[in-house]
Amino acid sequence: MNHAITQGKTDTPGLTFYYEGKALTTSVKWVQKWLDAGITYTGTTRYFNPKVELFDEKSAGVSFCADETKAYNKDRKTGKVDKAPATDDSYVLYNTRLEKTEQGVWQTTDGTSVRGSETCVQ
């Protein structure tokens, strides 16, 4: 999804390869919101605290945190970077469901995110 946002396209190969079903639909809509707003982002996002739960041979749950305190919105036309100060909302908890395809690829099929989750705020 990050690559799709920075590339400014909703149909990047990675997005359509690693996302399926509801997760793909939701992700395409999310990327489109960035495009409609005329922004991308720059900086660094740190991912941490991964947890994996295998439900069976073909499905799993994955949760992880994102630290976006050093990631900033950037205007696509002007290149101006919005270095707004970090807040608790700069930390995001992701919960996803993955399913394994016949080709052995784990695809995200559903997911949620919670900004400012106490699980992730540091």
PDB file of N, CA and C in Angstrom:
ATOM      1  N   MET A   1       0.834  -1.181   0.000  1.00  0.00           N
ATOM      2  CA  MET A   1       0.000   0.000   0.000  1.00  0.00           C
ATOM      3  C   MET A   1       0.881   1.248   0.000  1.00  0.00           C
ATOM      4  N   ASN A   2       1.963   1.215   0.792  1.00  0.00           N
ATOM      5  CA  ASN A   2       2.860   2.366   0.826  1.00  0.00           C
ATOM      6  C   ASN A   2       3.415   2.670  -0.555  1.00  0.00           C
ATOM      7  N   HIS A   3       3.812   1.633  -1.263  1.00  0.00           N
ATOM      8  CA  HIS A   3       4.362   1.819  -2.605  1.00  0.00           C
ATOM      9  C   HIS A   3       3.310   2.435  -3.534  1.00  0.00           C
ATOM     10  N   ALA A   4       2.073   1.981  -3.444  1.00  0.00           N
ATOM     11  CA  ALA A   4       1.003   2.524  -4.282  1.00  0.00           C
ATOM     12  C   ALA A   4       0.806   4.017  -4.003  1.00  0.00           C
ATOM     13  N   ILE A   5       0.853   4.411  -2.732  1.00  0.00           N
ATOM     14  CA  ILE A   5       0.686   5.823  -2.381  1.00  0.00           C
ATOM     15  C   ILE A   5       1.837   6.653  -2.935  1.00  0.00           C
ATOM     16  N   THR A   6       3.065   6.190  -2.724  1.00  0.00           N
ATOM     17  CA  THR A   6       4.209   6.980  -3.196  1.00  0.00           C
ATOM     18  C   THR A   6       4.300   6.992  -4.724  1.00  0.00           C
ATOM     19  N   GLN A   7       3.829   5.947  -5.381  1.00  0.00           N
ATOM     20  CA  GLN A   7       3.831   5.909  -6.845  1.00  0.00           C
ATOM     21  C   GLN A   7       2.652   6.662  -7.448  1.00  0.00           C
ATOM     22  N   GLY A   8       1.635   6.919  -6.626  1.00  0.00           N
ATOM     23  CA  GLY A   8       0.467   7.650  -7.110  1.00  0.00           C
ATOM     24  C   GLY A   8      -0.438   6.821  -7.998  1.00  0.00           C
ATOM     25  N   LYS A   9      -0.509   5.503  -7.723  1.00  0.00           N
ATOM     26  CA  LYS A   9      -1.333   4.616  -8.541  1.00  0.00           C
ATOM     27  C   LYS A   9      -2.083   3.632  -7.648  1.00  0.00           C
ATOM     28  N   THR A  10      -3.308   3.339  -8.018  1.00  0.00           N
ATOM     29  CA  THR A  10      -4.098   2.368  -7.243  1.00  0.00           C
ATOM     30  C   THR A  10      -3.930   0.943  -7.744  1.00  0.00           C
ATOM     31  N   ASP A  11      -3.194   0.759  -8.837  1.00  0.00           N
ATOM     32  CA  ASP A  11      -3.080  -0.577  -9.426  1.00  0.00           C
ATOM     33  C   ASP A  11      -1.634  -1.060  -9.508  1.00  0.00           C
ATOM     34  N   THR A  12      -0.823  -0.751  -8.514  1.00  0.00           N
ATOM     35  CA  THR A  12       0.553  -1.224  -8.532  1.00  0.00           C
ATOM     36  C   THR A  12       0.580  -2.747  -8.416  1.00  0.00           C
ATOM     37  N   PRO A  13       1.567  -3.384  -9.021  1.00  0.00           N
ATOM     38  CA  PRO A  13       1.627  -4.847  -8.977  1.00  0.00           C
ATOM     39  C   PRO A  13       1.653  -5.412  -7.555  1.00  0.00           C
ATOM     40  N   GLY A  14       2.354  -4.765  -6.646  1.00  0.00           N
ATOM     41  CA  GLY A  14       2.423  -5.261  -5.275  1.00  0.00           C
ATOM     42  C   GLY A  14       1.081  -5.227  -4.576  1.00  0.00           C
ATOM     43  N   LEU A  15       0.328  -4.156  -4.797  1.00  0.00           N
ATOM     44  CA  LEU A  15      -0.978  -4.031  -4.149  1.00  0.00           C
ATOM     45  C   LEU A  15      -1.924  -5.118  -4.642  1.00  0.00           C
ATOM     46  N   THR A  16      -1.975  -5.309  -5.930  1.00  0.00           N
ATOM     47  CA  THR A  16      -2.899  -6.303  -6.477  1.00  0.00           C
ATOM     48  C   THR A  16      -2.402  -7.737  -6.293  1.00  0.00           C
ATOM     49  N   PHE A  17      -1.116  -7.916  -5.975  1.00  0.00           N
ATOM     50  CA  PHE A  17      -0.566  -9.247  -5.743  1.00  0.00           C
ATOM     51  C   PHE A  17      -0.735  -9.682  -4.291  1.00  0.00           C
ATOM     52  N   TYR A  18      -0.539  -8.754  -3.354  1.00  0.00           N
ATOM     53  CA  TYR A  18      -0.546  -9.103  -1.934  1.00  0.00           C
ATOM     54  C   TYR A  18      -1.844  -8.798  -1.204  1.00  0.00           C
ATOM     55  N   TYR A  19      -2.807  -8.196  -1.886  1.00  0.00           N
ATOM     56  CA  TYR A  19      -4.105  -7.905  -1.273  1.00  0.00           C
ATOM     57  C   TYR A  19      -5.184  -8.558  -2.112  1.00  0.00           C
ATOM     58  N   GLU A  20      -6.241  -9.019  -1.424  1.00  0.00           N
ATOM     59  CA  GLU A  20      -7.334  -9.710  -2.108  1.00  0.00           C
ATOM     60  C   GLU A  20      -8.636  -9.375  -1.394  1.00  0.00           C
ATOM     61  N   GLY A  21      -9.744  -9.472  -2.122  1.00  0.00           N
ATOM     62  CA  GLY A  21     -11.068  -9.313  -1.521  1.00  0.00           C
ATOM     63  C   GLY A  21     -11.283  -7.966  -0.867  1.00  0.00           C
ATOM     64  N   LYS A  22     -11.868  -7.995   0.323  1.00  0.00           N
ATOM     65  CA  LYS A  22     -12.193  -6.773   1.058  1.00  0.00           C
ATOM     66  C   LYS A  22     -10.956  -5.913   1.289  1.00  0.00           C
ATOM     67  N   ALA A  23      -9.821  -6.548   1.597  1.00  0.00           N
ATOM     68  CA  ALA A  23      -8.592  -5.792   1.855  1.00  0.00           C
ATOM     69  C   ALA A  23      -8.132  -5.042   0.611  1.00  0.00           C
ATOM     70  N   LEU A  24      -8.263  -5.645  -0.549  1.00  0.00           N
ATOM     71  CA  LEU A  24      -7.871  -4.971  -1.793  1.00  0.00           C
ATOM     72  C   LEU A  24      -8.791  -3.791  -2.064  1.00  0.00           C
ATOM     73  N   THR A  25     -10.088  -4.002  -1.930  1.00  0.00           N
ATOM     74  CA  THR A  25     -11.058  -2.922  -2.157  1.00  0.00           C
ATOM     75  C   THR A  25     -10.794  -1.754  -1.221  1.00  0.00           C
ATOM     76  N   THR A  26     -10.612  -2.040   0.052  1.00  0.00           N
ATOM     77  CA  THR A  26     -10.360  -1.004   1.048  1.00  0.00           C
ATOM     78  C   THR A  26      -9.040  -0.287   0.767  1.00  0.00           C
ATOM     79  N   SER A  27      -8.023  -1.030   0.407  1.00  0.00           N
ATOM     80  CA  SER A  27      -6.708  -0.443   0.136  1.00  0.00           C
ATOM     81  C   SER A  27      -6.735   0.471  -1.080  1.00  0.00           C
ATOM     82  N   VAL A  28      -7.415   0.049  -2.136  1.00  0.00           N
ATOM     83  CA  VAL A  28      -7.525   0.892  -3.332  1.00  0.00           C
ATOM     84  C   VAL A  28      -8.248   2.196  -2.994  1.00  0.00           C
ATOM     85  N   LYS A  29      -9.305   2.112  -2.194  1.00  0.00           N
ATOM     86  CA  LYS A  29     -10.028   3.329  -1.786  1.00  0.00           C
ATOM     87  C   LYS A  29      -9.138   4.236  -0.949  1.00  0.00           C
ATOM     88  N   TRP A  30      -8.326   3.650  -0.067  1.00  0.00           N
ATOM     89  CA  TRP A  30      -7.425   4.437   0.775  1.00  0.00           C
ATOM     90  C   TRP A  30      -6.377   5.156  -0.078  1.00  0.00           C
ATOM     91  N   VAL A  31      -5.774   4.439  -1.018  1.00  0.00           N
ATOM     92  CA  VAL A  31      -4.788   5.060  -1.910  1.00  0.00           C
ATOM     93  C   VAL A  31      -5.451   6.176  -2.718  1.00  0.00           C
ATOM     94  N   GLN A  32      -6.664   5.950  -3.184  1.00  0.00           N
ATOM     95  CA  GLN A  32      -7.373   6.959  -3.975  1.00  0.00           C
ATOM     96  C   GLN A  32      -7.614   8.231  -3.163  1.00  0.00           C
ATOM     97  N   LYS A  33      -7.870   8.096  -1.864  1.00  0.00           N
ATOM     98  CA  LYS A  33      -8.047   9.282  -1.017  1.00  0.00           C
ATOM     99  C   LYS A  33      -6.781  10.128  -1.001  1.00  0.00           C
ATOM    100  N   TRP A  34      -5.627   9.489  -0.938  1.00  0.00           N
ATOM    101  CA  TRP A  34      -4.362  10.216  -0.990  1.00  0.00           C
ATOM    102  C   TRP A  34      -4.219  10.927  -2.334  1.00  0.00           C
ATOM    103  N   LEU A  35      -4.550  10.248  -3.412  1.00  0.00           N
ATOM    104  CA  LEU A  35      -4.453  10.841  -4.746  1.00  0.00           C
ATOM    105  C   LEU A  35      -5.408  12.015  -4.886  1.00  0.00           C
ATOM    106  N   ASP A  36      -6.644  11.853  -4.424  1.00  0.00           N
ATOM    107  CA  ASP A  36      -7.641  12.926  -4.505  1.00  0.00           C
ATOM    108  C   ASP A  36      -7.206  14.152  -3.708  1.00  0.00           C
ATOM    109  N   ALA A  37      -6.517  13.925  -2.597  1.00  0.00           N
ATOM    110  CA  ALA A  37      -6.039  15.034  -1.760  1.00  0.00           C
ATOM    111  C   ALA A  37      -4.755  15.657  -2.318  1.00  0.00           C
ATOM    112  N   GLY A  38      -4.173  15.028  -3.325  1.00  0.00           N
ATOM    113  CA  GLY A  38      -2.959  15.565  -3.937  1.00  0.00           C
ATOM    114  C   GLY A  38      -1.724  15.421  -3.065  1.00  0.00           C
ATOM    115  N   ILE A  39      -1.710  14.400  -2.216  1.00  0.00           N
ATOM    116  CA  ILE A  39      -0.568  14.216  -1.332  1.00  0.00           C
ATOM    117  C   ILE A  39       0.038  12.822  -1.448  1.00  0.00           C
ATOM    118  N   THR A  40       1.254  12.730  -1.018  1.00  0.00           N
ATOM    119  CA  THR A  40       1.967  11.478  -0.849  1.00  0.00           C
ATOM    120  C   THR A  40       2.618  11.589   0.522  1.00  0.00           C
ATOM    121  N   TYR A  41       3.636  10.816   0.802  1.00  0.00           N
ATOM    122  CA  TYR A  41       4.353  11.034   2.045  1.00  0.00           C
ATOM    123  C   TYR A  41       5.839  10.789   1.839  1.00  0.00           C
ATOM    124  N   THR A  42       6.585  11.272   2.798  1.00  0.00           N
ATOM    125  CA  THR A  42       8.032  11.129   2.778  1.00  0.00           C
ATOM    126  C   THR A  42       8.492  10.860   4.201  1.00  0.00           C
ATOM    127  N   GLY A  43       9.710  10.396   4.350  1.00  0.00           N
ATOM    128  CA  GLY A  43      10.224  10.100   5.678  1.00  0.00           C
ATOM    129  C   GLY A  43      10.290   8.611   5.920  1.00  0.00           C
ATOM    130  N   THR A  44      10.160   8.237   7.184  1.00  0.00           N
ATOM    131  CA  THR A  44      10.337   6.843   7.587  1.00  0.00           C
ATOM    132  C   THR A  44       9.194   6.386   8.480  1.00  0.00           C
ATOM    133  N   THR A  45       8.688   5.199   8.194  1.00  0.00           N
ATOM    134  CA  THR A  45       7.727   4.540   9.074  1.00  0.00           C
ATOM    135  C   THR A  45       8.422   3.299   9.622  1.00  0.00           C
ATOM    136  N   ARG A  46       8.382   3.159  10.933  1.00  0.00           N
ATOM    137  CA  ARG A  46       9.003   1.992  11.582  1.00  0.00           C
ATOM    138  C   ARG A  46       7.885   1.040  11.997  1.00  0.00           C
ATOM    139  N   TYR A  47       8.023  -0.222  11.604  1.00  0.00           N
ATOM    140  CA  TYR A  47       7.054  -1.252  11.970  1.00  0.00           C
ATOM    141  C   TYR A  47       7.655  -2.105  13.081  1.00  0.00           C
ATOM    142  N   PHE A  48       6.854  -2.429  14.093  1.00  0.00           N
ATOM    143  CA  PHE A  48       7.378  -3.177  15.222  1.00  0.00           C
ATOM    144  C   PHE A  48       6.284  -3.983  15.908  1.00  0.00           C
ATOM    145  N   ASN A  49       6.702  -4.833  16.835  1.00  0.00           N
ATOM    146  CA  ASN A  49       5.806  -5.659  17.644  1.00  0.00           C
ATOM    147  C   ASN A  49       4.904  -6.583  16.808  1.00  0.00           C
ATOM    148  N   PRO A  50       5.498  -7.310  15.845  1.00  0.00           N
ATOM    149  CA  PRO A  50       4.663  -8.217  15.040  1.00  0.00           C
ATOM    150  C   PRO A  50       4.219  -9.434  15.836  1.00  0.00           C
ATOM    151  N   LYS A  51       2.996  -9.853  15.583  1.00  0.00           N
ATOM    152  CA  LYS A  51       2.462 -11.070  16.194  1.00  0.00           C
ATOM    153  C   LYS A  51       1.724 -11.854  15.110  1.00  0.00           C
ATOM    154  N   VAL A  52       1.998 -13.135  15.043  1.00  0.00           N
ATOM    155  CA  VAL A  52       1.383 -13.998  14.039  1.00  0.00           C
ATOM    156  C   VAL A  52       0.664 -15.136  14.731  1.00  0.00           C
ATOM    157  N   GLU A  53      -0.566 -15.387  14.301  1.00  0.00           N
ATOM    158  CA  GLU A  53      -1.328 -16.528  14.808  1.00  0.00           C
ATOM    159  C   GLU A  53      -1.800 -17.343  13.610  1.00  0.00           C
ATOM    160  N   LEU A  54      -1.308 -18.566  13.509  1.00  0.00           N
ATOM    161  CA  LEU A  54      -1.755 -19.451  12.440  1.00  0.00           C
ATOM    162  C   LEU A  54      -3.077 -20.078  12.847  1.00  0.00           C
ATOM    163  N   PHE A  55      -4.088 -19.909  12.015  1.00  0.00           N
ATOM    164  CA  PHE A  55      -5.388 -20.515  12.287  1.00  0.00           C
ATOM    165  C   PHE A  55      -5.424 -21.951  11.767  1.00  0.00           C
ATOM    166  N   ASP A  56      -4.844 -22.128  10.588  1.00  0.00           N
ATOM    167  CA  ASP A  56      -4.700 -23.446   9.973  1.00  0.00           C
ATOM    168  C   ASP A  56      -3.619 -23.310   8.902  1.00  0.00           C
ATOM    169  N   GLU A  57      -3.510 -24.286   8.011  1.00  0.00           N
ATOM    170  CA  GLU A  57      -2.441 -24.258   7.001  1.00  0.00           C
ATOM    171  C   GLU A  57      -2.599 -23.144   5.975  1.00  0.00           C
ATOM    172  N   LYS A  58      -3.798 -22.596   5.856  1.00  0.00           N
ATOM    173  CA  LYS A  58      -4.030 -21.605   4.806  1.00  0.00           C
ATOM    174  C   LYS A  58      -4.556 -20.272   5.306  1.00  0.00           C
ATOM    175  N   SER A  59      -4.588 -20.047   6.614  1.00  0.00           N
ATOM    176  CA  SER A  59      -5.054 -18.751   7.114  1.00  0.00           C
ATOM    177  C   SER A  59      -4.326 -18.378   8.397  1.00  0.00           C
ATOM    178  N   ALA A  60      -4.152 -17.073   8.559  1.00  0.00           N
ATOM    179  CA  ALA A  60      -3.416 -16.568   9.726  1.00  0.00           C
ATOM    180  C   ALA A  60      -3.881 -15.158  10.051  1.00  0.00           C
ATOM    181  N   GLY A  61      -3.600 -14.767  11.266  1.00  0.00           N
ATOM    182  CA  GLY A  61      -3.819 -13.397  11.693  1.00  0.00           C
ATOM    183  C   GLY A  61      -2.466 -12.766  11.987  1.00  0.00           C
ATOM    184  N   VAL A  62      -2.276 -11.547  11.549  1.00  0.00           N
ATOM    185  CA  VAL A  62      -1.029 -10.831  11.789  1.00  0.00           C
ATOM    186  C   VAL A  62      -1.376  -9.454  12.329  1.00  0.00           C
ATOM    187  N   SER A  63      -0.751  -9.100  13.446  1.00  0.00           N
ATOM    188  CA  SER A  63      -0.919  -7.748  13.970  1.00  0.00           C
ATOM    189  C   SER A  63       0.467  -7.137  14.129  1.00  0.00           C
ATOM    190  N   PHE A  64       0.532  -5.819  14.011  1.00  0.00           N
ATOM    191  CA  PHE A  64       1.801  -5.116  14.165  1.00  0.00           C
ATOM    192  C   PHE A  64       1.523  -3.637  14.383  1.00  0.00           C
ATOM    193  N   CYS A  65       2.538  -2.939  14.872  1.00  0.00           N
ATOM    194  CA  CYS A  65       2.435  -1.505  15.115  1.00  0.00           C
ATOM    195  C   CYS A  65       3.245  -0.745  14.073  1.00  0.00           C
ATOM    196  N   ALA A  66       2.825   0.494  13.820  1.00  0.00           N
ATOM    197  CA  ALA A  66       3.570   1.397  12.944  1.00  0.00           C
ATOM    198  C   ALA A  66       3.842   2.688  13.701  1.00  0.00           C
ATOM    199  N   ASP A  67       5.081   3.138  13.636  1.00  0.00           N
ATOM    200  CA  ASP A  67       5.502   4.407  14.221  1.00  0.00           C
ATOM    201  C   ASP A  67       5.693   5.382  13.061  1.00  0.00           C
ATOM    202  N   GLU A  68       4.757   6.321  12.917  1.00  0.00           N
ATOM    203  CA  GLU A  68       4.795   7.284  11.824  1.00  0.00           C
ATOM    204  C   GLU A  68       5.299   8.654  12.284  1.00  0.00           C
ATOM    205  N   THR A  69       6.029   8.687  13.407  1.00  0.00           N
ATOM    206  CA  THR A  69       6.488   9.970  13.941  1.00  0.00           C
ATOM    207  C   THR A  69       7.497  10.659  13.032  1.00  0.00           C
ATOM    208  N   LYS A  70       8.121   9.910  12.124  1.00  0.00           N
ATOM    209  CA  LYS A  70       9.099  10.497  11.198  1.00  0.00           C
ATOM    210  C   LYS A  70       8.630  10.386   9.750  1.00  0.00           C
ATOM    211  N   ALA A  71       7.321  10.229   9.561  1.00  0.00           N
ATOM    212  CA  ALA A  71       6.709  10.196   8.228  1.00  0.00           C
ATOM    213  C   ALA A  71       5.838  11.442   8.096  1.00  0.00           C
ATOM    214  N   TYR A  72       5.919  12.095   6.952  1.00  0.00           N
ATOM    215  CA  TYR A  72       5.241  13.380   6.777  1.00  0.00           C
ATOM    216  C   TYR A  72       4.485  13.418   5.455  1.00  0.00           C
ATOM    217  N   ASN A  73       3.340  14.095   5.472  1.00  0.00           N
ATOM    218  CA  ASN A  73       2.594  14.306   4.235  1.00  0.00           C
ATOM    219  C   ASN A  73       3.378  15.267   3.347  1.00  0.00           C
ATOM    220  N   LYS A  74       3.286  15.025   2.039  1.00  0.00           N
ATOM    221  CA  LYS A  74       3.997  15.848   1.061  1.00  0.00           C
ATOM    222  C   LYS A  74       3.060  16.172  -0.093  1.00  0.00           C
ATOM    223  N   ASP A  75       2.948  17.450  -0.419  1.00  0.00           N
ATOM    224  CA  ASP A  75       2.112  17.898  -1.522  1.00  0.00           C
ATOM    225  C   ASP A  75       2.734  17.419  -2.839  1.00  0.00           C
ATOM    226  N   ARG A  76       1.952  16.733  -3.661  1.00  0.00           N
ATOM    227  CA  ARG A  76       2.475  16.191  -4.915  1.00  0.00           C
ATOM    228  C   ARG A  76       2.889  17.274  -5.905  1.00  0.00           C
ATOM    229  N   LYS A  77       2.182  18.392  -5.935  1.00  0.00           N
ATOM    230  CA  LYS A  77       2.487  19.445  -6.917  1.00  0.00           C
ATOM    231  C   LYS A  77       3.637  20.337  -6.470  1.00  0.00           C
ATOM    232  N   THR A  78       3.585  20.795  -5.228  1.00  0.00           N
ATOM    233  CA  THR A  78       4.581  21.759  -4.761  1.00  0.00           C
ATOM    234  C   THR A  78       5.808  21.103  -4.136  1.00  0.00           C
ATOM    235  N   GLY A  79       5.658  19.868  -3.675  1.00  0.00           N
ATOM    236  CA  GLY A  79       6.749  19.199  -2.993  1.00  0.00           C
ATOM    237  C   GLY A  79       6.901  19.627  -1.542  1.00  0.00           C
ATOM    238  N   LYS A  80       6.001  20.520  -1.083  1.00  0.00           N
ATOM    239  CA  LYS A  80       6.085  21.012   0.289  1.00  0.00           C
ATOM    240  C   LYS A  80       5.750  19.880   1.264  1.00  0.00           C
ATOM    241  N   VAL A  81       6.588  19.758   2.302  1.00  0.00           N
ATOM    242  CA  VAL A  81       6.417  18.719   3.315  1.00  0.00           C
ATOM    243  C   VAL A  81       5.791  19.338   4.563  1.00  0.00           C
ATOM    244  N   ASP A  82       4.742  18.680   5.063  1.00  0.00           N
ATOM    245  CA  ASP A  82       4.055  19.125   6.289  1.00  0.00           C
ATOM    246  C   ASP A  82       4.684  18.385   7.473  1.00  0.00           C
ATOM    247  N   LYS A  83       5.555  19.085   8.195  1.00  0.00           N
ATOM    248  CA  LYS A  83       6.232  18.453   9.342  1.00  0.00           C
ATOM    249  C   LYS A  83       5.491  18.764  10.635  1.00  0.00           C
ATOM    250  N   ALA A  84       4.202  18.438  10.637  1.00  0.00           N
ATOM    251  CA  ALA A  84       3.389  18.618  11.846  1.00  0.00           C
ATOM    252  C   ALA A  84       3.981  17.756  12.966  1.00  0.00           C
ATOM    253  N   PRO A  85       3.907  18.245  14.203  1.00  0.00           N
ATOM    254  CA  PRO A  85       4.463  17.462  15.320  1.00  0.00           C
ATOM    255  C   PRO A  85       3.745  16.123  15.507  1.00  0.00           C
ATOM    256  N   ALA A  86       4.496  15.151  15.971  1.00  0.00           N
ATOM    257  CA  ALA A  86       3.939  13.826  16.229  1.00  0.00           C
ATOM    258  C   ALA A  86       2.974  13.873  17.414  1.00  0.00           C
ATOM    259  N   THR A  87       1.961  13.014  17.352  1.00  0.00           N
ATOM    260  CA  THR A  87       0.996  12.857  18.438  1.00  0.00           C
ATOM    261  C   THR A  87       0.806  11.357  18.667  1.00  0.00           C
ATOM    262  N   ASP A  88      -0.046  11.007  19.604  1.00  0.00           N
ATOM    263  CA  ASP A  88      -0.356   9.588  19.808  1.00  0.00           C
ATOM    264  C   ASP A  88      -0.921   8.962  18.536  1.00  0.00           C
ATOM    265  N   ASP A  89      -1.610   9.761  17.701  1.00  0.00           N
ATOM    266  CA  ASP A  89      -2.170   9.247  16.452  1.00  0.00           C
ATOM    267  C   ASP A  89      -1.100   8.896  15.426  1.00  0.00           C
ATOM    268  N   SER A  90       0.156   9.238  15.720  1.00  0.00           N
ATOM    269  CA  SER A  90       1.264   8.864  14.838  1.00  0.00           C
ATOM    270  C   SER A  90       1.625   7.385  14.989  1.00  0.00           C
ATOM    271  N   TYR A  91       0.996   6.723  15.961  1.00  0.00           N
ATOM    272  CA  TYR A  91       1.209   5.292  16.182  1.00  0.00           C
ATOM    273  C   TYR A  91      -0.063   4.548  15.795  1.00  0.00           C
ATOM    274  N   VAL A  92       0.100   3.483  15.003  1.00  0.00           N
ATOM    275  CA  VAL A  92      -1.063   2.773  14.466  1.00  0.00           C
ATOM    276  C   VAL A  92      -0.924   1.268  14.735  1.00  0.00           C
ATOM    277  N   LEU A  93      -2.014   0.671  15.207  1.00  0.00           N
ATOM    278  CA  LEU A  93      -2.084  -0.780  15.371  1.00  0.00           C
ATOM    279  C   LEU A  93      -2.829  -1.354  14.177  1.00  0.00           C
ATOM    280  N   TYR A  94      -2.211  -2.312  13.509  1.00  0.00           N
ATOM    281  CA  TYR A  94      -2.838  -3.001  12.387  1.00  0.00           C
ATOM    282  C   TYR A  94      -3.156  -4.441  12.788  1.00  0.00           C
ATOM    283  N   ASN A  95      -4.356  -4.902  12.448  1.00  0.00           N
ATOM    284  CA  ASN A  95      -4.772  -6.295  12.612  1.00  0.00           C
ATOM    285  C   ASN A  95      -5.232  -6.787  11.245  1.00  0.00           C
ATOM    286  N   THR A  96      -4.598  -7.846  10.756  1.00  0.00           N
ATOM    287  CA  THR A  96      -4.915  -8.318   9.412  1.00  0.00           C
ATOM    288  C   THR A  96      -5.189  -9.817   9.397  1.00  0.00           C
ATOM    289  N   ARG A  97      -5.915 -10.227   8.383  1.00  0.00           N
ATOM    290  CA  ARG A  97      -6.136 -11.655   8.120  1.00  0.00           C
ATOM    291  C   ARG A  97      -5.461 -11.956   6.788  1.00  0.00           C
ATOM    292  N   LEU A  98      -4.696 -13.033   6.767  1.00  0.00           N
ATOM    293  CA  LEU A  98      -4.024 -13.459   5.547  1.00  0.00           C
ATOM    294  C   LEU A  98      -4.482 -14.862   5.175  1.00  0.00           C
ATOM    295  N   GLU A  99      -4.564 -15.106   3.873  1.00  0.00           N
ATOM    296  CA  GLU A  99      -4.903 -16.431   3.378  1.00  0.00           C
ATOM    297  C   GLU A  99      -3.883 -16.818   2.321  1.00  0.00           C
ATOM    298  N   LYS A 100      -3.513 -18.080   2.341  1.00  0.00           N
ATOM    299  CA  LYS A 100      -2.499 -18.588   1.427  1.00  0.00           C
ATOM    300  C   LYS A 100      -3.155 -19.047   0.130  1.00  0.00           C
ATOM    301  N   THR A 101      -2.642 -18.567  -1.003  1.00  0.00           N
ATOM    302  CA  THR A 101      -3.186 -18.945  -2.308  1.00  0.00           C
ATOM    303  C   THR A 101      -2.673 -20.324  -2.719  1.00  0.00           C
ATOM    304  N   GLU A 102      -3.233 -20.855  -3.782  1.00  0.00           N
ATOM    305  CA  GLU A 102      -2.779 -22.141  -4.318  1.00  0.00           C
ATOM    306  C   GLU A 102      -1.312 -22.080  -4.736  1.00  0.00           C
ATOM    307  N   GLN A 103      -0.828 -20.876  -5.088  1.00  0.00           N
ATOM    308  CA  GLN A 103       0.565 -20.686  -5.494  1.00  0.00           C
ATOM    309  C   GLN A 103       1.494 -20.499  -4.295  1.00  0.00           C
ATOM    310  N   GLY A 104       0.928 -20.507  -3.079  1.00  0.00           N
ATOM    311  CA  GLY A 104       1.739 -20.379  -1.877  1.00  0.00           C
ATOM    312  C   GLY A 104       1.992 -18.946  -1.428  1.00  0.00           C
ATOM    313  N   VAL A 105       1.264 -17.988  -1.982  1.00  0.00           N
ATOM    314  CA  VAL A 105       1.430 -16.575  -1.623  1.00  0.00           C
ATOM    315  C   VAL A 105       0.452 -16.212  -0.513  1.00  0.00           C
ATOM    316  N   TRP A 106       0.949 -15.594   0.546  1.00  0.00           N
ATOM    317  CA  TRP A 106       0.092 -15.112   1.616  1.00  0.00           C
ATOM    318  C   TRP A 106      -0.457 -13.751   1.214  1.00  0.00           C
ATOM    319  N   GLN A 107      -1.790 -13.647   1.094  1.00  0.00           N
ATOM    320  CA  GLN A 107      -2.444 -12.402   0.725  1.00  0.00           C
ATOM    321  C   GLN A 107      -3.276 -11.880   1.886  1.00  0.00           C
ATOM    322  N   THR A 108      -3.221 -10.562   2.076  1.00  0.00           N
ATOM    323  CA  THR A 108      -4.068  -9.922   3.079  1.00  0.00           C
ATOM    324  C   THR A 108      -5.480  -9.870   2.516  1.00  0.00           C
ATOM    325  N   THR A 109      -6.446 -10.406   3.279  1.00  0.00           N
ATOM    326  CA  THR A 109      -7.828 -10.449   2.805  1.00  0.00           C
ATOM    327  C   THR A 109      -8.759  -9.556   3.611  1.00  0.00           C
ATOM    328  N   ASP A 110      -8.313  -9.122   4.785  1.00  0.00           N
ATOM    329  CA  ASP A 110      -9.130  -8.252   5.624  1.00  0.00           C
ATOM    330  C   ASP A 110      -8.208  -7.575   6.627  1.00  0.00           C
ATOM    331  N   GLY A 111      -8.674  -6.475   7.174  1.00  0.00           N
ATOM    332  CA  GLY A 111      -7.842  -5.821   8.166  1.00  0.00           C
ATOM    333  C   GLY A 111      -8.483  -4.574   8.744  1.00  0.00           C
ATOM    334  N   THR A 112      -7.939  -4.171   9.879  1.00  0.00           N
ATOM    335  CA  THR A 112      -8.366  -2.938  10.528  1.00  0.00           C
ATOM    336  C   THR A 112      -7.125  -2.201  11.011  1.00  0.00           C
ATOM    337  N   SER A 113      -7.298  -0.921  11.273  1.00  0.00           N
ATOM    338  CA  SER A 113      -6.220  -0.129  11.854  1.00  0.00           C
ATOM    339  C   SER A 113      -6.812   0.785  12.918  1.00  0.00           C
ATOM    340  N   VAL A 114      -6.025   1.017  13.969  1.00  0.00           N
ATOM    341  CA  VAL A 114      -6.456   1.872  15.068  1.00  0.00           C
ATOM    342  C   VAL A 114      -5.346   2.877  15.357  1.00  0.00           C
ATOM    343  N   ARG A 115      -5.608   4.146  15.049  1.00  0.00           N
ATOM    344  CA  ARG A 115      -4.636   5.201  15.352  1.00  0.00           C
ATOM    345  C   ARG A 115      -4.662   5.500  16.840  1.00  0.00           C
ATOM    346  N   GLY A 116      -3.479   5.740  17.400  1.00  0.00           N
ATOM    347  CA  GLY A 116      -3.388   6.094  18.809  1.00  0.00           C
ATOM    348  C   GLY A 116      -3.616   4.930  19.750  1.00  0.00           C
ATOM    349  N   SER A 117      -3.536   3.709  19.252  1.00  0.00           N
ATOM    350  CA  SER A 117      -3.748   2.533  20.089  1.00  0.00           C
ATOM    351  C   SER A 117      -2.719   2.494  21.213  1.00  0.00           C
ATOM    352  N   GLU A 118      -3.186   2.260  22.436  1.00  0.00           N
ATOM    353  CA  GLU A 118      -2.287   2.179  23.587  1.00  0.00           C
ATOM    354  C   GLU A 118      -1.268   1.061  23.423  1.00  0.00           C
ATOM    355  N   THR A 119      -1.593   0.058  22.629  1.00  0.00           N
ATOM    356  CA  THR A 119      -0.667  -1.046  22.372  1.00  0.00           C
ATOM    357  C   THR A 119       0.609  -0.566  21.681  1.00  0.00           C
ATOM    358  N   CYS A 120       0.500   0.497  20.893  1.00  0.00           N
ATOM    359  CA  CYS A 120       1.620   0.933  20.066  1.00  0.00           C
ATOM    360  C   CYS A 120       2.266   2.250  20.510  1.00  0.00           C
ATOM    361  N   VAL A 121       1.527   3.110  21.201  1.00  0.00           N
ATOM    362  CA  VAL A 121       2.067   4.424  21.564  1.00  0.00           C
ATOM    363  C   VAL A 121       3.284   4.252  22.460  1.00  0.00           C
ATOM    364  N   GLN A 122       4.347   4.956  22.093  1.00  0.00           N
ATOM    365  CA  GLN A 122       5.590   4.864  22.875  1.00  0.00           C
ATOM    366  C   GLN A 122       5.952   6.194  23.483  1.00  0.00           C
TER     367      GLN A 122
END
